[in-house]
Amino acid sequence: MRVLAAVVVAVGLINFTLNADVKVGGAAAVEFTKKSQNAPDHKNIDGAWIRAEPKLAGSLENSGLTGMIHMRFQYNMASDGKDTAKVEKKFLNGQARQVYFKLPVSILDIQAGRWYEQYGPGYNYFGRYLYGVGAKGNGNMNTNYNVIDGLKLKLNINVIKSALQLAFLPKDRFFEDAYLMAMFGGSPVEGLTFNIGGNLEVITPEIVDPINRFIVNCGYTIVKDLGLGLFGEYAIVDFNEATDNMWFLVGIKTKAGVVLDNIQAELEIKNHRNNEASTDANLAWMILLQKKIMGLTLDLNVGADPTVLGSETAGDVGAIFRVTAKF
């Protein structure tokens, strides 16, 4: 069955590519990470990579069918902790980031494959809890999405500028672990966006309690011309132990004219994040600065994050710097 499904997908992709209006694009980026001083494996430069991401997007004019093939190729460079000029290099094989089809049928959108699922009010560092979160968070630069495999139906309710989404999301190719997602959200009032959703584990790999999740998030634009807005997200990512599995995110963002294109500050709270009694371990924060110049996007993130920067307390500060060129 899996072989047959793979053949059908491959034939569909070839046929779609030959008959569609195809556009080629992508991006290239380089990133450097400096962990906090107190991180257990702290080095002079704790991580660096060079990445290329070609994209092939297409559409069939008569049917409205669209699709994308998005690959990632990354060349990792890790400091040896003594001399930043001496690096150990590893080449990672190409990874399929997005391979999907999307078909509108009246007010219904049907999407299948692998895609970037976005439900937050603008790009953010923390958050994105609906599809799971690591013990220390989901922190990641410029990542307002989750990579999702499955089938999704989206019912657009245009009269209130909202939508109801239902999706079947298997976690493995054998369909031994799968979720059923339901989410309602939109922008019924100018400047306000919201989402309320849940993920129910309908198929479990063994005789274990299912992990069910719930999220609610919202964003509000205060001054549109300045890009000034507030946003937040609340989640319970496991109802079996709800008290220790609640996450809170609050943030503010704005533009800074000719100096910076975006300034954003985020605060995330999770009870016993580092499995310690200290309340300092519950808090993570990040300041995001962005500038676009001569076709390049420069991003600098500075803050305390256990996931990426190894921060054990809110005072353990690290940084991530990225340069991106889109084509």
C-alpha atoms as a PDB file:
ATOM      1  CA  MET A   1       0.000   0.000   0.000  1.00  0.00           C
ATOM      2  CA  ARG A   2       2.804   2.421   0.871  1.00  0.00           C
ATOM      3  CA  VAL A   3       4.584   1.622  -2.403  1.00  0.00           C
ATOM      4  CA  LEU A   4       1.367   2.213  -4.344  1.00  0.00           C
ATOM      5  CA  ALA A   5       0.784   5.520  -2.551  1.00  0.00           C
ATOM      6  CA  ALA A   6       4.358   6.630  -3.311  1.00  0.00           C
ATOM      7  CA  VAL A   7       3.918   5.768  -7.004  1.00  0.00           C
ATOM      8  CA  VAL A   8       0.623   7.687  -7.186  1.00  0.00           C
ATOM      9  CA  VAL A   9       2.211  10.750  -5.575  1.00  0.00           C
ATOM     10  CA  ALA A  10       5.253  10.582  -7.875  1.00  0.00           C
ATOM     11  CA  VAL A  11       3.089  10.278 -11.002  1.00  0.00           C
ATOM     12  CA  GLY A  12       0.901  13.118  -9.782  1.00  0.00           C
ATOM     13  CA  LEU A  13       3.924  15.349  -9.195  1.00  0.00           C
ATOM     14  CA  ILE A  14       5.353  14.653 -12.644  1.00  0.00           C
ATOM     15  CA  ASN A  15       2.017  15.270 -14.352  1.00  0.00           C
ATOM     16  CA  PHE A  16       1.429  18.436 -12.341  1.00  0.00           C
ATOM     17  CA  THR A  17       4.926  19.787 -13.112  1.00  0.00           C
ATOM     18  CA  LEU A  18       4.548  19.153 -16.853  1.00  0.00           C
ATOM     19  CA  ASN A  19       1.165  20.881 -17.109  1.00  0.00           C
ATOM     20  CA  ALA A  20       1.321  23.637 -14.505  1.00  0.00           C
ATOM     21  CA  ASP A  21       2.453  27.245 -14.591  1.00  0.00           C
ATOM     22  CA  VAL A  22       5.703  26.727 -12.685  1.00  0.00           C
ATOM     23  CA  LYS A  23       7.749  29.282 -10.770  1.00  0.00           C
ATOM     24  CA  VAL A  24      11.203  28.659  -9.336  1.00  0.00           C
ATOM     25  CA  GLY A  25      12.408  30.452  -6.201  1.00  0.00           C
ATOM     26  CA  GLY A  26      14.052  29.878  -2.887  1.00  0.00           C
ATOM     27  CA  ALA A  27      16.504  31.279  -0.375  1.00  0.00           C
ATOM     28  CA  ALA A  28      20.063  30.941   0.873  1.00  0.00           C
ATOM     29  CA  ALA A  29      21.158  31.719   4.419  1.00  0.00           C
ATOM     30  CA  VAL A  30      24.052  31.557   6.860  1.00  0.00           C
ATOM     31  CA  GLU A  31      23.587  31.494  10.636  1.00  0.00           C
ATOM     32  CA  PHE A  32      25.821  31.701  13.735  1.00  0.00           C
ATOM     33  CA  THR A  33      24.790  30.840  17.293  1.00  0.00           C
ATOM     34  CA  LYS A  34      26.393  32.009  20.539  1.00  0.00           C
ATOM     35  CA  LYS A  35      25.039  30.144  23.563  1.00  0.00           C
ATOM     36  CA  SER A  36      24.816  31.595  27.053  1.00  0.00           C
ATOM     37  CA  GLN A  37      27.964  31.552  29.191  1.00  0.00           C
ATOM     38  CA  ASN A  38      26.455  28.994  31.579  1.00  0.00           C
ATOM     39  CA  ALA A  39      25.376  26.521  28.908  1.00  0.00           C
ATOM     40  CA  PRO A  40      26.892  23.067  29.639  1.00  0.00           C
ATOM     41  CA  ASP A  41      28.544  22.749  26.199  1.00  0.00           C
ATOM     42  CA  HIS A  42      29.371  26.433  25.738  1.00  0.00           C
ATOM     43  CA  LYS A  43      32.020  27.283  23.109  1.00  0.00           C
ATOM     44  CA  ASN A  44      33.279  30.419  21.377  1.00  0.00           C
ATOM     45  CA  ILE A  45      30.862  29.792  18.501  1.00  0.00           C
ATOM     46  CA  ASP A  46      28.365  27.102  19.353  1.00  0.00           C
ATOM     47  CA  GLY A  47      26.854  26.511  15.955  1.00  0.00           C
ATOM     48  CA  ALA A  48      27.032  27.688  12.345  1.00  0.00           C
ATOM     49  CA  TRP A  49      25.572  26.552   9.066  1.00  0.00           C
ATOM     50  CA  ILE A  50      25.099  27.484   5.423  1.00  0.00           C
ATOM     51  CA  ARG A  51      21.750  26.606   3.884  1.00  0.00           C
ATOM     52  CA  ALA A  52      20.100  26.605   0.460  1.00  0.00           C
ATOM     53  CA  GLU A  53      16.372  26.063  -0.029  1.00  0.00           C
ATOM     54  CA  PRO A  54      15.140  25.817  -3.644  1.00  0.00           C
ATOM     55  CA  LYS A  55      11.386  25.939  -4.216  1.00  0.00           C
ATOM     56  CA  LEU A  56       9.308  24.841  -7.174  1.00  0.00           C
ATOM     57  CA  ALA A  57       5.724  26.138  -7.051  1.00  0.00           C
ATOM     58  CA  GLY A  58       3.048  25.646  -9.658  1.00  0.00           C
ATOM     59  CA  SER A  59      -0.624  26.183 -10.399  1.00  0.00           C
ATOM     60  CA  LEU A  60      -3.209  24.933 -12.878  1.00  0.00           C
ATOM     61  CA  GLU A  61      -5.219  27.939 -14.032  1.00  0.00           C
ATOM     62  CA  ASN A  62      -8.411  26.109 -14.979  1.00  0.00           C
ATOM     63  CA  SER A  63      -8.751  24.071 -11.786  1.00  0.00           C
ATOM     64  CA  GLY A  64      -7.193  26.344  -9.152  1.00  0.00           C
ATOM     65  CA  LEU A  65      -4.933  23.467  -8.108  1.00  0.00           C
ATOM     66  CA  THR A  66      -1.606  24.636  -6.623  1.00  0.00           C
ATOM     67  CA  GLY A  67       1.397  22.746  -5.360  1.00  0.00           C
ATOM     68  CA  MET A  68       4.949  23.106  -4.117  1.00  0.00           C
ATOM     69  CA  ILE A  69       8.180  21.167  -3.833  1.00  0.00           C
ATOM     70  CA  HIS A  70      10.513  22.771  -1.288  1.00  0.00           C
ATOM     71  CA  MET A  71      13.892  21.208  -0.461  1.00  0.00           C
ATOM     72  CA  ARG A  72      16.573  22.098   2.078  1.00  0.00           C
ATOM     73  CA  PHE A  73      20.307  21.479   1.739  1.00  0.00           C
ATOM     74  CA  GLN A  74      22.470  22.416   4.705  1.00  0.00           C
ATOM     75  CA  TYR A  75      26.208  22.448   5.369  1.00  0.00           C
ATOM     76  CA  ASN A  76      26.896  22.403   9.117  1.00  0.00           C
ATOM     77  CA  MET A  77      29.944  23.940  10.758  1.00  0.00           C
ATOM     78  CA  ALA A  78      30.582  23.376  14.465  1.00  0.00           C
ATOM     79  CA  SER A  79      33.326  25.139  16.433  1.00  0.00           C
ATOM     80  CA  ASP A  80      35.882  22.994  18.236  1.00  0.00           C
ATOM     81  CA  GLY A  81      35.695  25.385  21.203  1.00  0.00           C
ATOM     82  CA  LYS A  82      39.332  26.462  20.927  1.00  0.00           C
ATOM     83  CA  ASP A  83      39.850  28.111  17.572  1.00  0.00           C
ATOM     84  CA  THR A  84      36.795  29.512  15.769  1.00  0.00           C
ATOM     85  CA  ALA A  85      38.663  29.302  12.462  1.00  0.00           C
ATOM     86  CA  LYS A  86      38.929  25.540  12.821  1.00  0.00           C
ATOM     87  CA  VAL A  87      35.594  23.905  12.220  1.00  0.00           C
ATOM     88  CA  GLU A  88      34.284  20.409  11.814  1.00  0.00           C
ATOM     89  CA  LYS A  89      32.068  20.229   8.735  1.00  0.00           C
ATOM     90  CA  LYS A  90      29.205  17.879   8.039  1.00  0.00           C
ATOM     91  CA  PHE A  91      27.076  17.730   4.921  1.00  0.00           C
ATOM     92  CA  LEU A  92      23.430  16.898   5.500  1.00  0.00           C
ATOM     93  CA  ASN A  93      21.509  15.170   2.746  1.00  0.00           C
ATOM     94  CA  GLY A  94      18.689  17.063   1.108  1.00  0.00           C
ATOM     95  CA  GLN A  95      15.482  17.182   3.110  1.00  0.00           C
ATOM     96  CA  ALA A  96      11.976  17.641   1.746  1.00  0.00           C
ATOM     97  CA  ARG A  97      10.500  20.545   3.708  1.00  0.00           C
ATOM     98  CA  GLN A  98       7.262  20.928   1.745  1.00  0.00           C
ATOM     99  CA  VAL A  99       5.637  18.679  -0.853  1.00  0.00           C
ATOM    100  CA  TYR A 100       1.914  19.285  -1.166  1.00  0.00           C
ATOM    101  CA  PHE A 101      -1.137  19.914  -3.311  1.00  0.00           C
ATOM    102  CA  LYS A 102      -3.903  22.383  -2.501  1.00  0.00           C
ATOM    103  CA  LEU A 103      -7.271  22.449  -4.256  1.00  0.00           C
ATOM    104  CA  PRO A 104     -10.059  25.017  -3.690  1.00  0.00           C
ATOM    105  CA  VAL A 105     -13.601  23.709  -4.142  1.00  0.00           C
ATOM    106  CA  SER A 106     -16.023  26.587  -3.698  1.00  0.00           C
ATOM    107  CA  ILE A 107     -15.522  27.747  -0.070  1.00  0.00           C
ATOM    108  CA  LEU A 108     -13.584  24.581   0.832  1.00  0.00           C
ATOM    109  CA  ASP A 109      -9.781  24.220   0.531  1.00  0.00           C
ATOM    110  CA  ILE A 110      -8.340  20.698   0.411  1.00  0.00           C
ATOM    111  CA  GLN A 111      -4.635  20.284   1.193  1.00  0.00           C
ATOM    112  CA  ALA A 112      -2.566  17.084   1.338  1.00  0.00           C
ATOM    113  CA  GLY A 113       1.101  16.201   1.718  1.00  0.00           C
ATOM    114  CA  ARG A 114       3.723  18.001   3.822  1.00  0.00           C
ATOM    115  CA  TRP A 115       3.494  21.747   4.380  1.00  0.00           C
ATOM    116  CA  TYR A 116       4.343  24.627   6.713  1.00  0.00           C
ATOM    117  CA  GLU A 117       1.349  25.106   9.008  1.00  0.00           C
ATOM    118  CA  GLN A 118       1.041  28.648  10.360  1.00  0.00           C
ATOM    119  CA  TYR A 119      -1.594  29.813  12.797  1.00  0.00           C
ATOM    120  CA  GLY A 120       0.128  32.560  14.796  1.00  0.00           C
ATOM    121  CA  PRO A 121      -0.378  36.326  14.404  1.00  0.00           C
ATOM    122  CA  GLY A 122       2.859  37.033  12.536  1.00  0.00           C
ATOM    123  CA  TYR A 123       6.256  35.386  12.764  1.00  0.00           C
ATOM    124  CA  ASN A 124       7.434  34.704  16.292  1.00  0.00           C
ATOM    125  CA  TYR A 125      10.225  32.902  18.133  1.00  0.00           C
ATOM    126  CA  PHE A 126       8.294  31.083  20.868  1.00  0.00           C
ATOM    127  CA  GLY A 127       4.816  29.573  20.710  1.00  0.00           C
ATOM    128  CA  ARG A 128       3.406  27.127  18.112  1.00  0.00           C
ATOM    129  CA  TYR A 129       2.211  24.671  20.762  1.00  0.00           C
ATOM    130  CA  LEU A 130      -0.710  23.037  18.948  1.00  0.00           C
ATOM    131  CA  TYR A 131       1.439  20.412  17.230  1.00  0.00           C
ATOM    132  CA  GLY A 132       3.671  19.618  20.200  1.00  0.00           C
ATOM    133  CA  VAL A 133       6.458  21.297  22.115  1.00  0.00           C
ATOM    134  CA  GLY A 134       9.774  20.066  23.508  1.00  0.00           C
ATOM    135  CA  ALA A 135      10.379  19.955  27.249  1.00  0.00           C
ATOM    136  CA  LYS A 136      12.180  23.317  27.086  1.00  0.00           C
ATOM    137  CA  GLY A 137      10.158  24.999  24.342  1.00  0.00           C
ATOM    138  CA  ASN A 138       9.937  25.519  20.598  1.00  0.00           C
ATOM    139  CA  GLY A 139      12.382  28.421  20.361  1.00  0.00           C
ATOM    140  CA  ASN A 140      13.754  28.967  16.860  1.00  0.00           C
ATOM    141  CA  MET A 141      14.682  32.016  14.791  1.00  0.00           C
ATOM    142  CA  ASN A 142      12.058  33.279  12.312  1.00  0.00           C
ATOM    143  CA  THR A 143       9.961  30.146  12.748  1.00  0.00           C
ATOM    144  CA  ASN A 144       6.236  30.784  12.950  1.00  0.00           C
ATOM    145  CA  TYR A 145       5.359  27.375  11.474  1.00  0.00           C
ATOM    146  CA  ASN A 146       5.294  23.638  12.128  1.00  0.00           C
ATOM    147  CA  VAL A 147       6.130  21.047   9.481  1.00  0.00           C
ATOM    148  CA  ILE A 148       2.917  19.034   9.101  1.00  0.00           C
ATOM    149  CA  ASP A 149       2.154  15.780   7.263  1.00  0.00           C
ATOM    150  CA  GLY A 150      -1.443  14.903   6.561  1.00  0.00           C
ATOM    151  CA  LEU A 151      -4.751  15.912   5.038  1.00  0.00           C
ATOM    152  CA  LYS A 152      -6.511  19.197   5.868  1.00  0.00           C
ATOM    153  CA  LEU A 153      -9.925  20.608   5.034  1.00  0.00           C
ATOM    154  CA  LYS A 154     -10.463  24.346   5.458  1.00  0.00           C
ATOM    155  CA  LEU A 155     -13.975  25.779   5.324  1.00  0.00           C
ATOM    156  CA  ASN A 156     -13.818  29.514   4.634  1.00  0.00           C
ATOM    157  CA  ILE A 157     -16.562  31.570   6.300  1.00  0.00           C
ATOM    158  CA  ASN A 158     -16.060  34.774   4.356  1.00  0.00           C
ATOM    159  CA  VAL A 159     -18.951  36.704   5.893  1.00  0.00           C
ATOM    160  CA  ILE A 160     -17.065  36.877   9.220  1.00  0.00           C
ATOM    161  CA  LYS A 161     -13.550  36.610   7.721  1.00  0.00           C
ATOM    162  CA  SER A 162     -12.924  33.360   9.561  1.00  0.00           C
ATOM    163  CA  ALA A 163     -12.385  29.680   8.824  1.00  0.00           C
ATOM    164  CA  LEU A 164     -12.952  26.245  10.332  1.00  0.00           C
ATOM    165  CA  GLN A 165     -10.149  23.738   9.781  1.00  0.00           C
ATOM    166  CA  LEU A 166     -10.165  19.974  10.251  1.00  0.00           C
ATOM    167  CA  ALA A 167      -7.121  17.778   9.664  1.00  0.00           C
ATOM    168  CA  PHE A 168      -5.923  14.195  10.014  1.00  0.00           C
ATOM    169  CA  LEU A 169      -2.233  14.250  10.969  1.00  0.00           C
ATOM    170  CA  PRO A 170      -0.319  10.941  11.200  1.00  0.00           C
ATOM    171  CA  LYS A 171       2.960  11.120  13.115  1.00  0.00           C
ATOM    172  CA  ASP A 172       4.502   8.124  11.355  1.00  0.00           C
ATOM    173  CA  ARG A 173       4.191   6.458   7.978  1.00  0.00           C
ATOM    174  CA  PHE A 174       2.606   3.327   9.496  1.00  0.00           C
ATOM    175  CA  PHE A 175      -0.376   5.301  10.848  1.00  0.00           C
ATOM    176  CA  GLU A 176       0.197   3.880  14.348  1.00  0.00           C
ATOM    177  CA  ASP A 177       0.131   7.336  15.938  1.00  0.00           C
ATOM    178  CA  ALA A 178      -2.152  10.047  14.592  1.00  0.00           C
ATOM    179  CA  TYR A 179      -3.954  13.225  15.583  1.00  0.00           C
ATOM    180  CA  LEU A 180      -7.256  14.789  14.612  1.00  0.00           C
ATOM    181  CA  MET A 181      -7.028  18.592  14.586  1.00  0.00           C
ATOM    182  CA  ALA A 182      -9.867  21.102  14.764  1.00  0.00           C
ATOM    183  CA  MET A 183      -9.314  24.862  14.735  1.00  0.00           C
ATOM    184  CA  PHE A 184     -11.499  27.913  14.303  1.00  0.00           C
ATOM    185  CA  GLY A 185     -10.077  31.375  13.765  1.00  0.00           C
ATOM    186  CA  GLY A 186      -9.786  34.445  11.635  1.00  0.00           C
ATOM    187  CA  SER A 187     -10.009  38.216  11.679  1.00  0.00           C
ATOM    188  CA  PRO A 188     -13.656  39.200  12.167  1.00  0.00           C
ATOM    189  CA  VAL A 189     -12.706  42.662  13.449  1.00  0.00           C
ATOM    190  CA  GLU A 190     -10.114  44.899  11.795  1.00  0.00           C
ATOM    191  CA  GLY A 191      -6.789  44.612  13.588  1.00  0.00           C
ATOM    192  CA  LEU A 192      -7.790  41.516  15.588  1.00  0.00           C
ATOM    193  CA  THR A 193      -6.798  37.922  14.789  1.00  0.00           C
ATOM    194  CA  PHE A 194      -7.534  34.816  16.854  1.00  0.00           C
ATOM    195  CA  ASN A 195      -7.407  31.013  16.804  1.00  0.00           C
ATOM    196  CA  ILE A 196      -8.941  28.383  19.070  1.00  0.00           C
ATOM    197  CA  GLY A 197      -7.877  24.833  18.397  1.00  0.00           C
ATOM    198  CA  GLY A 198      -7.346  21.337  19.677  1.00  0.00           C
ATOM    199  CA  ASN A 199      -5.344  18.280  18.713  1.00  0.00           C
ATOM    200  CA  LEU A 200      -6.798  14.927  19.783  1.00  0.00           C
ATOM    201  CA  GLU A 201      -4.593  11.828  19.631  1.00  0.00           C
ATOM    202  CA  VAL A 202      -7.080   9.442  18.053  1.00  0.00           C
ATOM    203  CA  ILE A 203      -4.590   6.630  17.336  1.00  0.00           C
ATOM    204  CA  THR A 204      -1.919   5.685  19.889  1.00  0.00           C
ATOM    205  CA  PRO A 205       1.039   3.339  19.295  1.00  0.00           C
ATOM    206  CA  GLU A 206       0.443   1.294  22.450  1.00  0.00           C
ATOM    207  CA  ILE A 207      -1.941   1.038  25.385  1.00  0.00           C
ATOM    208  CA  VAL A 208      -1.144   4.498  26.706  1.00  0.00           C
ATOM    209  CA  ASP A 209      -3.138   7.557  27.565  1.00  0.00           C
ATOM    210  CA  PRO A 210      -3.604   9.813  24.521  1.00  0.00           C
ATOM    211  CA  ILE A 211      -1.920  13.220  24.557  1.00  0.00           C
ATOM    212  CA  ASN A 212      -4.566  15.833  23.788  1.00  0.00           C
ATOM    213  CA  ARG A 213      -3.737  19.515  23.273  1.00  0.00           C
ATOM    214  CA  PHE A 214      -5.581  22.831  23.356  1.00  0.00           C
ATOM    215  CA  ILE A 215      -4.470  26.326  22.317  1.00  0.00           C
ATOM    216  CA  VAL A 216      -5.897  29.795  22.073  1.00  0.00           C
ATOM    217  CA  ASN A 217      -3.979  32.723  20.599  1.00  0.00           C
ATOM    218  CA  CYS A 218      -4.707  36.240  19.494  1.00  0.00           C
ATOM    219  CA  GLY A 219      -3.033  39.301  18.049  1.00  0.00           C
ATOM    220  CA  TYR A 220      -4.101  42.916  17.925  1.00  0.00           C
ATOM    221  CA  THR A 221      -2.666  45.678  15.735  1.00  0.00           C
ATOM    222  CA  ILE A 222      -2.668  48.943  17.686  1.00  0.00           C
ATOM    223  CA  VAL A 223      -1.176  51.268  15.036  1.00  0.00           C
ATOM    224  CA  LYS A 224      -1.174  49.764  11.527  1.00  0.00           C
ATOM    225  CA  ASP A 225       1.261  52.233   9.932  1.00  0.00           C
ATOM    226  CA  LEU A 226       3.851  51.537  12.649  1.00  0.00           C
ATOM    227  CA  GLY A 227       3.221  47.810  12.648  1.00  0.00           C
ATOM    228  CA  LEU A 228       2.667  48.146  16.393  1.00  0.00           C
ATOM    229  CA  GLY A 229       0.857  45.172  17.804  1.00  0.00           C
ATOM    230  CA  LEU A 230       0.461  42.757  20.693  1.00  0.00           C
ATOM    231  CA  PHE A 231       0.142  38.979  20.490  1.00  0.00           C
ATOM    232  CA  GLY A 232      -0.066  35.991  22.794  1.00  0.00           C
ATOM    233  CA  GLU A 233      -0.759  32.276  23.062  1.00  0.00           C
ATOM    234  CA  TYR A 234      -1.914  29.976  25.850  1.00  0.00           C
ATOM    235  CA  ALA A 235      -1.751  26.199  25.622  1.00  0.00           C
ATOM    236  CA  ILE A 236      -2.214  22.964  27.495  1.00  0.00           C
ATOM    237  CA  VAL A 237      -0.121  20.409  25.634  1.00  0.00           C
ATOM    238  CA  ASP A 238      -1.038  17.340  27.733  1.00  0.00           C
ATOM    239  CA  PHE A 239      -4.313  17.147  29.652  1.00  0.00           C
ATOM    240  CA  ASN A 240      -3.028  14.129  31.612  1.00  0.00           C
ATOM    241  CA  GLU A 241      -0.814  16.502  33.644  1.00  0.00           C
ATOM    242  CA  ALA A 242      -2.284  19.887  32.784  1.00  0.00           C
ATOM    243  CA  THR A 243      -0.640  21.905  35.575  1.00  0.00           C
ATOM    244  CA  ASP A 244       2.899  21.096  34.459  1.00  0.00           C
ATOM    245  CA  ASN A 245       2.075  21.297  30.762  1.00  0.00           C
ATOM    246  CA  MET A 246       0.745  24.835  30.417  1.00  0.00           C
ATOM    247  CA  TRP A 247       2.601  27.339  28.224  1.00  0.00           C
ATOM    248  CA  PHE A 248       2.195  31.120  28.031  1.00  0.00           C
ATOM    249  CA  LEU A 249       3.552  33.454  25.353  1.00  0.00           C
ATOM    250  CA  VAL A 250       3.167  37.248  25.210  1.00  0.00           C
ATOM    251  CA  GLY A 251       4.877  39.615  22.797  1.00  0.00           C
ATOM    252  CA  ILE A 252       4.975  43.058  21.231  1.00  0.00           C
ATOM    253  CA  LYS A 253       6.247  44.077  17.794  1.00  0.00           C
ATOM    254  CA  THR A 254       6.738  47.277  15.817  1.00  0.00           C
ATOM    255  CA  LYS A 255       8.683  48.835  12.948  1.00  0.00           C
ATOM    256  CA  ALA A 256      11.537  51.311  13.412  1.00  0.00           C
ATOM    257  CA  GLY A 257      11.510  53.230  10.133  1.00  0.00           C
ATOM    258  CA  VAL A 258      14.843  53.540   8.350  1.00  0.00           C
ATOM    259  CA  VAL A 259      16.775  52.031  11.256  1.00  0.00           C
ATOM    260  CA  LEU A 260      15.112  48.615  11.536  1.00  0.00           C
ATOM    261  CA  ASP A 261      12.282  46.911   9.678  1.00  0.00           C
ATOM    262  CA  ASN A 262      11.095  44.972  12.700  1.00  0.00           C
ATOM    263  CA  ILE A 263      11.592  44.981  16.450  1.00  0.00           C
ATOM    264  CA  GLN A 264       9.940  42.270  18.473  1.00  0.00           C
ATOM    265  CA  ALA A 265      10.085  41.199  22.123  1.00  0.00           C
ATOM    266  CA  GLU A 266       8.679  37.928  23.443  1.00  0.00           C
ATOM    267  CA  LEU A 267       8.264  36.387  26.885  1.00  0.00           C
ATOM    268  CA  GLU A 268       7.484  32.711  27.497  1.00  0.00           C
ATOM    269  CA  ILE A 269       6.538  31.049  30.782  1.00  0.00           C
ATOM    270  CA  LYS A 270       6.442  27.323  31.517  1.00  0.00           C
ATOM    271  CA  ASN A 271       6.192  25.779  34.988  1.00  0.00           C
ATOM    272  CA  HIS A 272       9.271  23.667  35.885  1.00  0.00           C
ATOM    273  CA  ARG A 273      10.772  24.114  32.414  1.00  0.00           C
ATOM    274  CA  ASN A 274      14.208  22.836  33.510  1.00  0.00           C
ATOM    275  CA  ASN A 275      12.769  20.378  36.047  1.00  0.00           C
ATOM    276  CA  GLU A 276      13.927  22.608  38.881  1.00  0.00           C
ATOM    277  CA  ALA A 277      12.137  24.290  41.753  1.00  0.00           C
ATOM    278  CA  SER A 278      13.729  27.646  40.881  1.00  0.00           C
ATOM    279  CA  THR A 279      11.229  30.057  39.367  1.00  0.00           C
ATOM    280  CA  ASP A 280      14.040  31.542  37.231  1.00  0.00           C
ATOM    281  CA  ALA A 281      13.956  28.415  35.086  1.00  0.00           C
ATOM    282  CA  ASN A 282      10.302  29.061  34.202  1.00  0.00           C
ATOM    283  CA  LEU A 283      11.048  32.195  32.194  1.00  0.00           C
ATOM    284  CA  ALA A 284      12.475  32.598  28.683  1.00  0.00           C
ATOM    285  CA  TRP A 285      12.668  35.815  26.674  1.00  0.00           C
ATOM    286  CA  MET A 286      13.882  37.002  23.293  1.00  0.00           C
ATOM    287  CA  ILE A 287      14.395  40.297  21.467  1.00  0.00           C
ATOM    288  CA  LEU A 288      14.274  40.040  17.664  1.00  0.00           C
ATOM    289  CA  LEU A 289      15.809  42.702  15.418  1.00  0.00           C
ATOM    290  CA  GLN A 290      15.463  42.664  11.623  1.00  0.00           C
ATOM    291  CA  LYS A 291      16.860  44.834   8.832  1.00  0.00           C
ATOM    292  CA  LYS A 292      16.427  44.422   5.067  1.00  0.00           C
ATOM    293  CA  ILE A 293      19.094  45.961   2.861  1.00  0.00           C
ATOM    294  CA  MET A 294      20.234  45.414  -0.745  1.00  0.00           C
ATOM    295  CA  GLY A 295      18.290  42.180  -1.170  1.00  0.00           C
ATOM    296  CA  LEU A 296      19.514  40.736   2.122  1.00  0.00           C
ATOM    297  CA  THR A 297      17.634  40.195   5.371  1.00  0.00           C
ATOM    298  CA  LEU A 298      19.698  40.533   8.553  1.00  0.00           C
ATOM    299  CA  ASP A 299      18.273  39.007  11.731  1.00  0.00           C
ATOM    300  CA  LEU A 300      19.687  39.233  15.244  1.00  0.00           C
ATOM    301  CA  ASN A 301      18.033  37.470  18.177  1.00  0.00           C
ATOM    302  CA  VAL A 302      19.261  38.168  21.716  1.00  0.00           C
ATOM    303  CA  GLY A 303      17.798  36.604  24.832  1.00  0.00           C
ATOM    304  CA  ALA A 304      17.551  33.657  27.213  1.00  0.00           C
ATOM    305  CA  ASP A 305      16.223  30.408  25.742  1.00  0.00           C
ATOM    306  CA  PRO A 306      16.882  26.889  27.129  1.00  0.00           C
ATOM    307  CA  THR A 307      16.108  25.217  23.801  1.00  0.00           C
ATOM    308  CA  VAL A 308      18.654  26.864  21.506  1.00  0.00           C
ATOM    309  CA  LEU A 309      20.915  28.937  23.760  1.00  0.00           C
ATOM    310  CA  GLY A 310      21.205  26.541  26.712  1.00  0.00           C
ATOM    311  CA  SER A 311      19.994  29.174  29.194  1.00  0.00           C
ATOM    312  CA  GLU A 312      19.361  27.842  32.698  1.00  0.00           C
ATOM    313  CA  THR A 313      17.949  31.112  34.033  1.00  0.00           C
ATOM    314  CA  ALA A 314      16.509  34.306  32.577  1.00  0.00           C
ATOM    315  CA  GLY A 315      19.904  35.961  33.036  1.00  0.00           C
ATOM    316  CA  ASP A 316      21.809  33.482  30.845  1.00  0.00           C
ATOM    317  CA  VAL A 317      21.908  35.462  27.602  1.00  0.00           C
ATOM    318  CA  GLY A 318      22.944  34.241  24.166  1.00  0.00           C
ATOM    319  CA  ALA A 319      22.491  35.345  20.559  1.00  0.00           C
ATOM    320  CA  ILE A 320      21.747  34.100  17.038  1.00  0.00           C
ATOM    321  CA  PHE A 321      22.665  35.980  13.859  1.00  0.00           C
ATOM    322  CA  ARG A 322      21.373  35.120  10.379  1.00  0.00           C
ATOM    323  CA  VAL A 323      21.809  36.562   6.883  1.00  0.00           C
ATOM    324  CA  THR A 324      19.249  35.499   4.263  1.00  0.00           C
ATOM    325  CA  ALA A 325      19.053  36.129   0.520  1.00  0.00           C
ATOM    326  CA  LYS A 326      15.877  35.237  -1.361  1.00  0.00           C
ATOM    327  CA  PHE A 327      15.733  34.467  -5.066  1.00  0.00           C
END
